[in-house]
């Protein structure tokens, strides 16, 4: 299936409000590995605990082997009561699920590592973290969960994770079933203005760590001039956090002109923004933007202009973010050959 088709939220059923689970979707159906506990208030000697075997059966006292696979808890309760009714009068049964079987789900779209994941705790938030968390391009207002029922039909549920986070409420933690597909749509360019990506970056369901490259061609700091440093920062970090991490300070480098360069996947090109780190240190938030995964920071006034020139003359779009990163790795590996000796910007 085409990725854009999968991620198109317009195909979702508009009749199902966000975070209001449809009855069929909310109904958990038992399967092999589920653990049950049954209590009979009037016949405590018949209380039992059981785990569904590979055939979906449990052993009920007096009644023997009983298949409950594919049933909801209420349906299984009714089935057990019917079976026991042959042996005792009015066998009221209270049935609870004590342990849910592990499930395997498919996660696609804007997560760090799309793929198939086994989950011991089958909740939506657990699934997102198993896939490395959501990316900065994720639109969490219409997360979609698809489920195939036993009759082969497919149902879909929209889940809004963004609004509860924005309003400081608990996020809906949908219980997943084996075979579910989770689709994280991409945030469209016209929706970015109304979407607080920095809030999501600091949440527990987003990518927890981002990788930033700092290409330093200025003397000073803990890095060697002309080298590139890959640093891990908490998601939600800002521009100054990257400079601090590599030990670049105003006393050791000229920070009046620093470039923040970012790969734009829609254009396939690098977008460069020149910043004044000194102004950022003085509290100018416009000069201290939030960072994104795979951002590149270039330090050194003359080197910034040379890198910018190289990007402007590089007419072919980058195929993906890997090509973008390899471009900067090549600059670090052969900066002198490509641009001539770097100036000391102290």
C-alpha atoms as a PDB file:
ATOM      1  CA  UNK A   1       0.000   0.000   0.000  1.00  0.00           C
ATOM      2  CA  UNK A   2       1.258   3.461  -0.853  1.00  0.00           C
ATOM      3  CA  UNK A   3       2.653   5.238   2.231  1.00  0.00           C
ATOM      4  CA  UNK A   4       0.822   8.448   1.472  1.00  0.00           C
ATOM      5  CA  UNK A   5      -2.412   6.540   1.174  1.00  0.00           C
ATOM      6  CA  UNK A   6      -1.825   4.883   4.532  1.00  0.00           C
ATOM      7  CA  UNK A   7      -1.119   8.161   6.255  1.00  0.00           C
ATOM      8  CA  UNK A   8      -3.978  10.128   4.692  1.00  0.00           C
ATOM      9  CA  UNK A   9      -6.300  10.886   7.628  1.00  0.00           C
ATOM     10  CA  UNK A  10      -9.182  11.683   5.288  1.00  0.00           C
ATOM     11  CA  UNK A  11      -9.829   7.955   4.861  1.00  0.00           C
ATOM     12  CA  UNK A  12     -10.709   7.570   8.545  1.00  0.00           C
ATOM     13  CA  UNK A  13     -14.347   7.056   9.508  1.00  0.00           C
ATOM     14  CA  UNK A  14     -15.609  10.546  10.436  1.00  0.00           C
ATOM     15  CA  UNK A  15     -18.540   9.068  12.375  1.00  0.00           C
ATOM     16  CA  UNK A  16     -16.249   7.922  15.213  1.00  0.00           C
ATOM     17  CA  UNK A  17     -15.207  10.876  17.423  1.00  0.00           C
ATOM     18  CA  UNK A  18     -11.607  11.069  18.543  1.00  0.00           C
ATOM     19  CA  UNK A  19     -10.881   9.096  21.732  1.00  0.00           C
ATOM     20  CA  UNK A  20     -14.396   7.676  21.888  1.00  0.00           C
ATOM     21  CA  UNK A  21     -13.873   3.989  21.267  1.00  0.00           C
ATOM     22  CA  UNK A  22     -16.521   2.272  19.195  1.00  0.00           C
ATOM     23  CA  UNK A  23     -18.187  -0.654  21.035  1.00  0.00           C
ATOM     24  CA  UNK A  24     -16.614  -3.213  18.705  1.00  0.00           C
ATOM     25  CA  UNK A  25     -13.175  -1.663  19.073  1.00  0.00           C
ATOM     26  CA  UNK A  26     -13.438  -1.380  22.845  1.00  0.00           C
ATOM     27  CA  UNK A  27     -14.514  -5.005  23.231  1.00  0.00           C
ATOM     28  CA  UNK A  28     -11.486  -7.082  24.178  1.00  0.00           C
ATOM     29  CA  UNK A  29     -11.652 -10.617  22.800  1.00  0.00           C
ATOM     30  CA  UNK A  30      -9.974 -13.470  24.591  1.00  0.00           C
ATOM     31  CA  UNK A  31      -7.230 -15.554  23.041  1.00  0.00           C
ATOM     32  CA  UNK A  32      -4.521 -18.092  23.939  1.00  0.00           C
ATOM     33  CA  UNK A  33      -2.324 -16.795  26.747  1.00  0.00           C
ATOM     34  CA  UNK A  34      -4.956 -14.637  28.451  1.00  0.00           C
ATOM     35  CA  UNK A  35      -5.291 -15.328  32.178  1.00  0.00           C
ATOM     36  CA  UNK A  36      -8.693 -15.287  33.889  1.00  0.00           C
ATOM     37  CA  UNK A  37      -9.963 -15.400  37.455  1.00  0.00           C
ATOM     38  CA  UNK A  38     -13.548 -16.505  38.125  1.00  0.00           C
ATOM     39  CA  UNK A  39     -15.337 -15.913  41.416  1.00  0.00           C
ATOM     40  CA  UNK A  40     -18.670 -17.525  42.342  1.00  0.00           C
ATOM     41  CA  UNK A  41     -20.052 -15.701  45.426  1.00  0.00           C
ATOM     42  CA  UNK A  42     -22.525 -18.471  46.290  1.00  0.00           C
ATOM     43  CA  UNK A  43     -20.163 -21.331  45.470  1.00  0.00           C
ATOM     44  CA  UNK A  44     -16.660 -20.245  46.543  1.00  0.00           C
ATOM     45  CA  UNK A  45     -15.424 -23.822  46.247  1.00  0.00           C
ATOM     46  CA  UNK A  46     -15.868 -23.438  42.483  1.00  0.00           C
ATOM     47  CA  UNK A  47     -13.667 -20.345  42.215  1.00  0.00           C
ATOM     48  CA  UNK A  48     -10.897 -20.889  39.695  1.00  0.00           C
ATOM     49  CA  UNK A  49      -8.060 -19.284  37.780  1.00  0.00           C
ATOM     50  CA  UNK A  50      -7.130 -20.355  34.277  1.00  0.00           C
ATOM     51  CA  UNK A  51      -4.998 -19.426  31.293  1.00  0.00           C
ATOM     52  CA  UNK A  52      -6.354 -20.035  27.809  1.00  0.00           C
ATOM     53  CA  UNK A  53      -4.396 -22.851  26.151  1.00  0.00           C
ATOM     54  CA  UNK A  54      -3.295 -22.875  22.508  1.00  0.00           C
ATOM     55  CA  UNK A  55      -6.803 -23.916  21.464  1.00  0.00           C
ATOM     56  CA  UNK A  56      -8.400 -21.129  23.494  1.00  0.00           C
ATOM     57  CA  UNK A  57      -9.799 -23.498  26.138  1.00  0.00           C
ATOM     58  CA  UNK A  58     -10.042 -23.238  29.920  1.00  0.00           C
ATOM     59  CA  UNK A  59     -10.932 -25.907  32.460  1.00  0.00           C
ATOM     60  CA  UNK A  60     -14.004 -25.027  34.526  1.00  0.00           C
ATOM     61  CA  UNK A  61     -14.692 -26.958  37.749  1.00  0.00           C
ATOM     62  CA  UNK A  62     -17.512 -29.481  37.224  1.00  0.00           C
ATOM     63  CA  UNK A  63     -18.049 -28.376  33.610  1.00  0.00           C
ATOM     64  CA  UNK A  64     -14.625 -29.409  32.286  1.00  0.00           C
ATOM     65  CA  UNK A  65     -13.031 -28.032  29.113  1.00  0.00           C
ATOM     66  CA  UNK A  66     -14.716 -24.918  27.729  1.00  0.00           C
ATOM     67  CA  UNK A  67     -13.699 -22.845  24.686  1.00  0.00           C
ATOM     68  CA  UNK A  68     -13.779 -19.079  25.233  1.00  0.00           C
ATOM     69  CA  UNK A  69     -11.486 -17.927  22.409  1.00  0.00           C
ATOM     70  CA  UNK A  70     -12.824 -14.937  20.517  1.00  0.00           C
ATOM     71  CA  UNK A  71     -15.341 -14.088  23.238  1.00  0.00           C
ATOM     72  CA  UNK A  72     -15.561 -10.865  25.201  1.00  0.00           C
ATOM     73  CA  UNK A  73     -15.356 -11.081  28.980  1.00  0.00           C
ATOM     74  CA  UNK A  74     -19.125 -10.761  29.231  1.00  0.00           C
ATOM     75  CA  UNK A  75     -19.671 -13.465  26.629  1.00  0.00           C
ATOM     76  CA  UNK A  76     -17.182 -15.740  28.412  1.00  0.00           C
ATOM     77  CA  UNK A  77     -18.972 -15.077  31.702  1.00  0.00           C
ATOM     78  CA  UNK A  78     -22.296 -16.062  30.149  1.00  0.00           C
ATOM     79  CA  UNK A  79     -20.743 -19.186  28.630  1.00  0.00           C
ATOM     80  CA  UNK A  80     -19.288 -20.307  31.982  1.00  0.00           C
ATOM     81  CA  UNK A  81     -22.584 -19.644  33.771  1.00  0.00           C
ATOM     82  CA  UNK A  82     -24.473 -21.660  31.162  1.00  0.00           C
ATOM     83  CA  UNK A  83     -22.039 -24.564  31.509  1.00  0.00           C
ATOM     84  CA  UNK A  84     -22.263 -24.548  35.326  1.00  0.00           C
ATOM     85  CA  UNK A  85     -26.023 -24.201  35.323  1.00  0.00           C
ATOM     86  CA  UNK A  86     -26.212 -27.920  34.561  1.00  0.00           C
ATOM     87  CA  UNK A  87     -24.605 -28.683  37.932  1.00  0.00           C
ATOM     88  CA  UNK A  88     -25.566 -25.907  40.386  1.00  0.00           C
ATOM     89  CA  UNK A  89     -28.474 -23.520  40.851  1.00  0.00           C
ATOM     90  CA  UNK A  90     -27.993 -19.899  39.772  1.00  0.00           C
ATOM     91  CA  UNK A  91     -24.210 -19.988  39.296  1.00  0.00           C
ATOM     92  CA  UNK A  92     -23.463 -16.262  39.368  1.00  0.00           C
ATOM     93  CA  UNK A  93     -19.944 -15.754  37.943  1.00  0.00           C
ATOM     94  CA  UNK A  94     -17.687 -12.707  38.273  1.00  0.00           C
ATOM     95  CA  UNK A  95     -14.935 -12.990  35.651  1.00  0.00           C
ATOM     96  CA  UNK A  96     -11.916 -10.708  35.332  1.00  0.00           C
ATOM     97  CA  UNK A  97      -8.889 -10.613  33.050  1.00  0.00           C
ATOM     98  CA  UNK A  98      -5.830 -10.904  35.309  1.00  0.00           C
ATOM     99  CA  UNK A  99      -3.155 -10.896  32.592  1.00  0.00           C
ATOM    100  CA  UNK A 100      -3.439 -10.040  28.920  1.00  0.00           C
ATOM    101  CA  UNK A 101      -1.569 -12.131  26.402  1.00  0.00           C
ATOM    102  CA  UNK A 102       1.435 -10.553  24.636  1.00  0.00           C
ATOM    103  CA  UNK A 103       0.563  -9.028  21.289  1.00  0.00           C
ATOM    104  CA  UNK A 104       2.434  -8.165  18.118  1.00  0.00           C
ATOM    105  CA  UNK A 105       1.609  -4.886  16.405  1.00  0.00           C
ATOM    106  CA  UNK A 106       2.799  -3.024  13.316  1.00  0.00           C
ATOM    107  CA  UNK A 107       3.780   0.636  13.689  1.00  0.00           C
ATOM    108  CA  UNK A 108       4.184   2.851  10.615  1.00  0.00           C
ATOM    109  CA  UNK A 109       4.504   6.545   9.869  1.00  0.00           C
ATOM    110  CA  UNK A 110       6.276   9.152  11.967  1.00  0.00           C
ATOM    111  CA  UNK A 111       8.092   7.040  14.541  1.00  0.00           C
ATOM    112  CA  UNK A 112      11.845   6.613  14.855  1.00  0.00           C
ATOM    113  CA  UNK A 113      11.882   2.904  13.974  1.00  0.00           C
ATOM    114  CA  UNK A 114       8.779   1.744  12.075  1.00  0.00           C
ATOM    115  CA  UNK A 115       8.264  -1.999  12.166  1.00  0.00           C
ATOM    116  CA  UNK A 116       6.631  -4.969  13.870  1.00  0.00           C
ATOM    117  CA  UNK A 117       6.908  -5.122  17.656  1.00  0.00           C
ATOM    118  CA  UNK A 118       5.974  -7.732  20.272  1.00  0.00           C
ATOM    119  CA  UNK A 119       4.515  -6.062  23.351  1.00  0.00           C
ATOM    120  CA  UNK A 120       4.273  -7.550  26.807  1.00  0.00           C
ATOM    121  CA  UNK A 121       2.228  -4.528  27.916  1.00  0.00           C
ATOM    122  CA  UNK A 122      -0.157  -3.965  24.997  1.00  0.00           C
ATOM    123  CA  UNK A 123      -0.925  -0.272  25.418  1.00  0.00           C
ATOM    124  CA  UNK A 124      -0.636   2.401  22.745  1.00  0.00           C
ATOM    125  CA  UNK A 125       1.961   4.435  24.650  1.00  0.00           C
ATOM    126  CA  UNK A 126       4.105   1.311  25.140  1.00  0.00           C
ATOM    127  CA  UNK A 127       3.964   0.615  21.415  1.00  0.00           C
ATOM    128  CA  UNK A 128       5.138   4.130  20.534  1.00  0.00           C
ATOM    129  CA  UNK A 129       8.083   3.903  22.921  1.00  0.00           C
ATOM    130  CA  UNK A 130       9.015   0.474  21.551  1.00  0.00           C
ATOM    131  CA  UNK A 131       9.356   2.128  18.136  1.00  0.00           C
ATOM    132  CA  UNK A 132      11.688   4.780  19.557  1.00  0.00           C
ATOM    133  CA  UNK A 133       9.000   7.407  20.091  1.00  0.00           C
ATOM    134  CA  UNK A 134       7.345   9.762  17.633  1.00  0.00           C
ATOM    135  CA  UNK A 135       9.358  12.054  15.381  1.00  0.00           C
ATOM    136  CA  UNK A 136       9.129  15.840  15.246  1.00  0.00           C
ATOM    137  CA  UNK A 137       7.040  15.523  12.075  1.00  0.00           C
ATOM    138  CA  UNK A 138       4.348  13.434  13.774  1.00  0.00           C
ATOM    139  CA  UNK A 139       0.782  14.726  13.975  1.00  0.00           C
ATOM    140  CA  UNK A 140      -0.585  13.196  17.174  1.00  0.00           C
ATOM    141  CA  UNK A 141      -4.089  14.587  16.722  1.00  0.00           C
ATOM    142  CA  UNK A 142      -5.211  11.695  14.527  1.00  0.00           C
ATOM    143  CA  UNK A 143      -3.258   8.589  15.444  1.00  0.00           C
ATOM    144  CA  UNK A 144      -5.005   5.650  13.805  1.00  0.00           C
ATOM    145  CA  UNK A 145      -5.318   2.101  15.078  1.00  0.00           C
ATOM    146  CA  UNK A 146      -6.549  -0.553  12.634  1.00  0.00           C
ATOM    147  CA  UNK A 147      -7.824  -3.937  13.747  1.00  0.00           C
ATOM    148  CA  UNK A 148      -8.871  -7.020  11.812  1.00  0.00           C
ATOM    149  CA  UNK A 149     -11.780  -8.858  13.426  1.00  0.00           C
ATOM    150  CA  UNK A 150     -12.298 -12.613  13.499  1.00  0.00           C
ATOM    151  CA  UNK A 151     -14.739 -12.389  10.574  1.00  0.00           C
ATOM    152  CA  UNK A 152     -12.091 -10.672   8.418  1.00  0.00           C
ATOM    153  CA  UNK A 153     -13.595  -7.195   8.581  1.00  0.00           C
ATOM    154  CA  UNK A 154     -11.360  -4.234   9.438  1.00  0.00           C
ATOM    155  CA  UNK A 155     -12.250  -1.491  11.896  1.00  0.00           C
ATOM    156  CA  UNK A 156     -10.342   1.703  12.641  1.00  0.00           C
ATOM    157  CA  UNK A 157     -10.118   4.016  15.640  1.00  0.00           C
ATOM    158  CA  UNK A 158      -8.865   7.611  15.690  1.00  0.00           C
ATOM    159  CA  UNK A 159      -6.985   8.613  18.838  1.00  0.00           C
ATOM    160  CA  UNK A 160      -6.025  12.190  19.739  1.00  0.00           C
ATOM    161  CA  UNK A 161      -2.863  12.184  21.850  1.00  0.00           C
ATOM    162  CA  UNK A 162      -2.059  15.859  21.268  1.00  0.00           C
ATOM    163  CA  UNK A 163      -5.008  17.596  22.939  1.00  0.00           C
ATOM    164  CA  UNK A 164      -4.658  15.795  26.304  1.00  0.00           C
ATOM    165  CA  UNK A 165      -0.944  16.670  26.383  1.00  0.00           C
ATOM    166  CA  UNK A 166      -1.669  20.303  25.562  1.00  0.00           C
ATOM    167  CA  UNK A 167      -4.361  20.485  28.258  1.00  0.00           C
ATOM    168  CA  UNK A 168      -2.282  18.545  30.827  1.00  0.00           C
ATOM    169  CA  UNK A 169      -4.718  15.637  30.926  1.00  0.00           C
ATOM    170  CA  UNK A 170      -4.031  11.915  30.928  1.00  0.00           C
ATOM    171  CA  UNK A 171      -3.555  10.550  27.426  1.00  0.00           C
ATOM    172  CA  UNK A 172      -5.943   7.813  26.274  1.00  0.00           C
ATOM    173  CA  UNK A 173      -4.036   4.548  26.563  1.00  0.00           C
ATOM    174  CA  UNK A 174      -5.843   2.296  24.142  1.00  0.00           C
ATOM    175  CA  UNK A 175      -5.463  -1.418  24.834  1.00  0.00           C
ATOM    176  CA  UNK A 176      -4.105  -3.065  21.713  1.00  0.00           C
ATOM    177  CA  UNK A 177      -4.970  -6.445  20.246  1.00  0.00           C
ATOM    178  CA  UNK A 178      -2.721  -8.896  18.436  1.00  0.00           C
ATOM    179  CA  UNK A 179      -2.263  -7.872  14.797  1.00  0.00           C
ATOM    180  CA  UNK A 180      -3.216  -4.213  15.270  1.00  0.00           C
ATOM    181  CA  UNK A 181      -1.646  -1.605  12.983  1.00  0.00           C
ATOM    182  CA  UNK A 182      -0.760   1.822  14.382  1.00  0.00           C
ATOM    183  CA  UNK A 183      -0.366   4.682  11.912  1.00  0.00           C
ATOM    184  CA  UNK A 184       1.237   7.988  12.940  1.00  0.00           C
ATOM    185  CA  UNK A 185       0.402  10.613  10.288  1.00  0.00           C
ATOM    186  CA  UNK A 186       2.768  13.327   9.100  1.00  0.00           C
ATOM    187  CA  UNK A 187       2.188  16.910  10.173  1.00  0.00           C
ATOM    188  CA  UNK A 188       1.310  18.945   7.089  1.00  0.00           C
ATOM    189  CA  UNK A 189       2.995  22.281   6.446  1.00  0.00           C
ATOM    190  CA  UNK A 190      -0.261  24.234   6.780  1.00  0.00           C
ATOM    191  CA  UNK A 191      -0.947  22.695  10.212  1.00  0.00           C
ATOM    192  CA  UNK A 192       2.426  23.458  11.824  1.00  0.00           C
ATOM    193  CA  UNK A 193       1.392  26.946  12.983  1.00  0.00           C
ATOM    194  CA  UNK A 194      -1.360  25.510  15.206  1.00  0.00           C
ATOM    195  CA  UNK A 195       0.719  22.626  16.545  1.00  0.00           C
ATOM    196  CA  UNK A 196       3.130  22.913  19.485  1.00  0.00           C
ATOM    197  CA  UNK A 197       5.943  20.605  18.412  1.00  0.00           C
ATOM    198  CA  UNK A 198       8.136  21.722  21.297  1.00  0.00           C
ATOM    199  CA  UNK A 199       5.522  20.506  23.778  1.00  0.00           C
ATOM    200  CA  UNK A 200       5.454  17.089  22.126  1.00  0.00           C
ATOM    201  CA  UNK A 201       9.262  16.953  21.992  1.00  0.00           C
ATOM    202  CA  UNK A 202       9.350  17.186  25.786  1.00  0.00           C
ATOM    203  CA  UNK A 203       6.705  14.506  26.295  1.00  0.00           C
ATOM    204  CA  UNK A 204       7.310  10.868  27.185  1.00  0.00           C
ATOM    205  CA  UNK A 205       5.866   9.502  23.940  1.00  0.00           C
ATOM    206  CA  UNK A 206       8.221  11.345  21.594  1.00  0.00           C
ATOM    207  CA  UNK A 207      11.759  10.427  20.611  1.00  0.00           C
ATOM    208  CA  UNK A 208      13.691  10.838  23.862  1.00  0.00           C
ATOM    209  CA  UNK A 209      17.150  11.608  22.441  1.00  0.00           C
ATOM    210  CA  UNK A 210      18.165  13.515  19.325  1.00  0.00           C
ATOM    211  CA  UNK A 211      21.520  13.491  17.540  1.00  0.00           C
ATOM    212  CA  UNK A 212      23.071  16.840  16.619  1.00  0.00           C
ATOM    213  CA  UNK A 213      26.254  17.341  14.597  1.00  0.00           C
ATOM    214  CA  UNK A 214      28.476  20.309  15.421  1.00  0.00           C
ATOM    215  CA  UNK A 215      30.986  21.176  12.692  1.00  0.00           C
ATOM    216  CA  UNK A 216      33.507  23.431  14.410  1.00  0.00           C
ATOM    217  CA  UNK A 217      36.026  25.299  12.260  1.00  0.00           C
ATOM    218  CA  UNK A 218      36.801  27.810  14.956  1.00  0.00           C
ATOM    219  CA  UNK A 219      39.504  27.399  17.572  1.00  0.00           C
ATOM    220  CA  UNK A 220      38.374  26.808  21.123  1.00  0.00           C
ATOM    221  CA  UNK A 221      36.112  24.491  23.000  1.00  0.00           C
ATOM    222  CA  UNK A 222      36.615  20.794  23.593  1.00  0.00           C
ATOM    223  CA  UNK A 223      36.520  19.911  19.899  1.00  0.00           C
ATOM    224  CA  UNK A 224      39.396  20.083  17.428  1.00  0.00           C
ATOM    225  CA  UNK A 225      38.905  22.758  14.725  1.00  0.00           C
ATOM    226  CA  UNK A 226      37.774  21.243  11.440  1.00  0.00           C
ATOM    227  CA  UNK A 227      36.097  18.234  13.055  1.00  0.00           C
ATOM    228  CA  UNK A 228      32.489  17.214  13.385  1.00  0.00           C
ATOM    229  CA  UNK A 229      31.091  16.130  16.731  1.00  0.00           C
ATOM    230  CA  UNK A 230      27.966  13.998  17.037  1.00  0.00           C
ATOM    231  CA  UNK A 231      26.264  14.661  20.339  1.00  0.00           C
ATOM    232  CA  UNK A 232      23.164  13.204  21.965  1.00  0.00           C
ATOM    233  CA  UNK A 233      20.790  15.689  23.549  1.00  0.00           C
ATOM    234  CA  UNK A 234      17.382  15.332  25.198  1.00  0.00           C
ATOM    235  CA  UNK A 235      14.565  15.977  22.757  1.00  0.00           C
ATOM    236  CA  UNK A 236      13.369  19.542  23.279  1.00  0.00           C
ATOM    237  CA  UNK A 237      16.911  20.943  23.568  1.00  0.00           C
ATOM    238  CA  UNK A 238      17.747  24.320  22.070  1.00  0.00           C
ATOM    239  CA  UNK A 239      20.592  25.688  19.955  1.00  0.00           C
ATOM    240  CA  UNK A 240      22.652  26.836  22.940  1.00  0.00           C
ATOM    241  CA  UNK A 241      22.467  23.352  24.447  1.00  0.00           C
ATOM    242  CA  UNK A 242      24.432  22.019  21.475  1.00  0.00           C
ATOM    243  CA  UNK A 243      27.151  24.660  21.824  1.00  0.00           C
ATOM    244  CA  UNK A 244      27.402  24.016  25.547  1.00  0.00           C
ATOM    245  CA  UNK A 245      27.685  20.266  24.982  1.00  0.00           C
ATOM    246  CA  UNK A 246      30.843  20.680  22.886  1.00  0.00           C
ATOM    247  CA  UNK A 247      32.311  23.374  25.124  1.00  0.00           C
ATOM    248  CA  UNK A 248      32.144  26.297  22.694  1.00  0.00           C
ATOM    249  CA  UNK A 249      31.898  29.615  24.565  1.00  0.00           C
ATOM    250  CA  UNK A 250      32.282  33.303  23.640  1.00  0.00           C
ATOM    251  CA  UNK A 251      35.689  33.341  25.340  1.00  0.00           C
ATOM    252  CA  UNK A 252      37.043  30.697  22.971  1.00  0.00           C
ATOM    253  CA  UNK A 253      35.304  31.377  19.671  1.00  0.00           C
ATOM    254  CA  UNK A 254      33.682  34.110  17.634  1.00  0.00           C
ATOM    255  CA  UNK A 255      30.001  33.239  17.951  1.00  0.00           C
ATOM    256  CA  UNK A 256      28.625  36.215  16.098  1.00  0.00           C
ATOM    257  CA  UNK A 257      27.889  34.050  13.088  1.00  0.00           C
ATOM    258  CA  UNK A 258      26.860  30.427  13.522  1.00  0.00           C
ATOM    259  CA  UNK A 259      24.742  28.410  11.118  1.00  0.00           C
ATOM    260  CA  UNK A 260      21.961  25.974  12.004  1.00  0.00           C
ATOM    261  CA  UNK A 261      21.357  23.729   9.001  1.00  0.00           C
ATOM    262  CA  UNK A 262      18.394  21.366   8.733  1.00  0.00           C
ATOM    263  CA  UNK A 263      17.267  18.833   6.161  1.00  0.00           C
ATOM    264  CA  UNK A 264      13.840  19.543   4.656  1.00  0.00           C
ATOM    265  CA  UNK A 265      12.443  16.165   3.521  1.00  0.00           C
ATOM    266  CA  UNK A 266       9.693  17.775   1.435  1.00  0.00           C
ATOM    267  CA  UNK A 267      12.153  19.780  -0.670  1.00  0.00           C
ATOM    268  CA  UNK A 268      15.037  17.339  -0.375  1.00  0.00           C
ATOM    269  CA  UNK A 269      17.284  20.277   0.439  1.00  0.00           C
ATOM    270  CA  UNK A 270      19.182  21.781   3.342  1.00  0.00           C
ATOM    271  CA  UNK A 271      17.698  24.871   4.973  1.00  0.00           C
ATOM    272  CA  UNK A 272      20.261  27.164   6.584  1.00  0.00           C
ATOM    273  CA  UNK A 273      19.628  29.721   9.323  1.00  0.00           C
ATOM    274  CA  UNK A 274      22.388  32.057  10.530  1.00  0.00           C
ATOM    275  CA  UNK A 275      22.306  32.749  14.267  1.00  0.00           C
ATOM    276  CA  UNK A 276      24.094  35.015  16.709  1.00  0.00           C
ATOM    277  CA  UNK A 277      24.978  32.881  19.704  1.00  0.00           C
ATOM    278  CA  UNK A 278      26.013  35.913  21.738  1.00  0.00           C
ATOM    279  CA  UNK A 279      22.514  37.362  21.417  1.00  0.00           C
ATOM    280  CA  UNK A 280      21.115  33.982  22.383  1.00  0.00           C
ATOM    281  CA  UNK A 281      23.245  34.006  25.531  1.00  0.00           C
ATOM    282  CA  UNK A 282      21.838  37.446  26.343  1.00  0.00           C
ATOM    283  CA  UNK A 283      18.297  36.075  26.240  1.00  0.00           C
ATOM    284  CA  UNK A 284      17.223  36.619  22.635  1.00  0.00           C
ATOM    285  CA  UNK A 285      14.994  33.568  22.121  1.00  0.00           C
ATOM    286  CA  UNK A 286      14.820  34.212  18.381  1.00  0.00           C
ATOM    287  CA  UNK A 287      18.517  33.284  18.278  1.00  0.00           C
ATOM    288  CA  UNK A 288      18.038  30.123  20.358  1.00  0.00           C
ATOM    289  CA  UNK A 289      15.625  27.952  18.338  1.00  0.00           C
ATOM    290  CA  UNK A 290      14.670  24.400  19.317  1.00  0.00           C
ATOM    291  CA  UNK A 291      16.729  21.668  17.719  1.00  0.00           C
ATOM    292  CA  UNK A 292      15.531  18.754  15.639  1.00  0.00           C
ATOM    293  CA  UNK A 293      17.061  15.334  15.173  1.00  0.00           C
ATOM    294  CA  UNK A 294      19.950  15.374  12.650  1.00  0.00           C
ATOM    295  CA  UNK A 295      20.408  19.150  12.766  1.00  0.00           C
ATOM    296  CA  UNK A 296      23.902  20.427  11.926  1.00  0.00           C
ATOM    297  CA  UNK A 297      25.499  23.395  13.690  1.00  0.00           C
ATOM    298  CA  UNK A 298      28.430  25.057  11.893  1.00  0.00           C
ATOM    299  CA  UNK A 299      30.752  27.282  13.939  1.00  0.00           C
ATOM    300  CA  UNK A 300      33.315  29.649  12.415  1.00  0.00           C
ATOM    301  CA  UNK A 301      32.446  32.845  10.552  1.00  0.00           C
ATOM    302  CA  UNK A 302      34.397  32.181   7.354  1.00  0.00           C
ATOM    303  CA  UNK A 303      33.518  28.507   7.315  1.00  0.00           C
ATOM    304  CA  UNK A 304      29.803  29.313   7.607  1.00  0.00           C
ATOM    305  CA  UNK A 305      29.960  31.342   4.401  1.00  0.00           C
ATOM    306  CA  UNK A 306      31.848  28.564   2.631  1.00  0.00           C
ATOM    307  CA  UNK A 307      29.392  25.887   3.719  1.00  0.00           C
ATOM    308  CA  UNK A 308      26.483  28.102   2.701  1.00  0.00           C
ATOM    309  CA  UNK A 309      28.096  28.624  -0.694  1.00  0.00           C
ATOM    310  CA  UNK A 310      28.609  24.881  -1.100  1.00  0.00           C
ATOM    311  CA  UNK A 311      24.955  24.197  -0.284  1.00  0.00           C
ATOM    312  CA  UNK A 312      23.763  26.871  -2.704  1.00  0.00           C
ATOM    313  CA  UNK A 313      25.878  25.439  -5.525  1.00  0.00           C
ATOM    314  CA  UNK A 314      24.853  21.859  -4.754  1.00  0.00           C
ATOM    315  CA  UNK A 315      21.968  21.746  -7.227  1.00  0.00           C
ATOM    316  CA  UNK A 316      20.920  18.105  -6.866  1.00  0.00           C
ATOM    317  CA  UNK A 317      18.437  17.496  -4.030  1.00  0.00           C
ATOM    318  CA  UNK A 318      19.459  15.104  -1.292  1.00  0.00           C
ATOM    319  CA  UNK A 319      17.695  11.765  -1.680  1.00  0.00           C
ATOM    320  CA  UNK A 320      17.139  11.487   2.067  1.00  0.00           C
ATOM    321  CA  UNK A 321      18.517  12.617   5.405  1.00  0.00           C
ATOM    322  CA  UNK A 322      21.391  10.128   5.075  1.00  0.00           C
ATOM    323  CA  UNK A 323      22.659  11.938   1.975  1.00  0.00           C
ATOM    324  CA  UNK A 324      22.362  15.224   3.856  1.00  0.00           C
ATOM    325  CA  UNK A 325      24.469  13.895   6.742  1.00  0.00           C
ATOM    326  CA  UNK A 326      27.051  12.324   4.436  1.00  0.00           C
ATOM    327  CA  UNK A 327      27.514  15.735   2.801  1.00  0.00           C
ATOM    328  CA  UNK A 328      28.580  17.225   6.133  1.00  0.00           C
ATOM    329  CA  UNK A 329      30.688  14.226   7.042  1.00  0.00           C
ATOM    330  CA  UNK A 330      32.617  14.817   3.821  1.00  0.00           C
ATOM    331  CA  UNK A 331      33.127  18.464   4.770  1.00  0.00           C
ATOM    332  CA  UNK A 332      34.587  17.451   8.107  1.00  0.00           C
ATOM    333  CA  UNK A 333      36.809  14.779   6.542  1.00  0.00           C
ATOM    334  CA  UNK A 334      38.296  17.101   3.944  1.00  0.00           C
ATOM    335  CA  UNK A 335      37.519  20.653   4.941  1.00  0.00           C
ATOM    336  CA  UNK A 336      40.973  21.968   4.036  1.00  0.00           C
ATOM    337  CA  UNK A 337      40.909  20.304   0.636  1.00  0.00           C
ATOM    338  CA  UNK A 338      37.435  21.579  -0.167  1.00  0.00           C
ATOM    339  CA  UNK A 339      37.707  25.136   1.123  1.00  0.00           C
ATOM    340  CA  UNK A 340      41.330  25.836   1.857  1.00  0.00           C
ATOM    341  CA  UNK A 341      42.797  26.418   5.314  1.00  0.00           C
ATOM    342  CA  UNK A 342      40.235  27.600   7.821  1.00  0.00           C
ATOM    343  CA  UNK A 343      40.644  30.917   9.553  1.00  0.00           C
ATOM    344  CA  UNK A 344      40.961  31.170  13.283  1.00  0.00           C
ATOM    345  CA  UNK A 345      37.892  33.062  14.400  1.00  0.00           C
ATOM    346  CA  UNK A 346      39.096  33.937  17.868  1.00  0.00           C
END
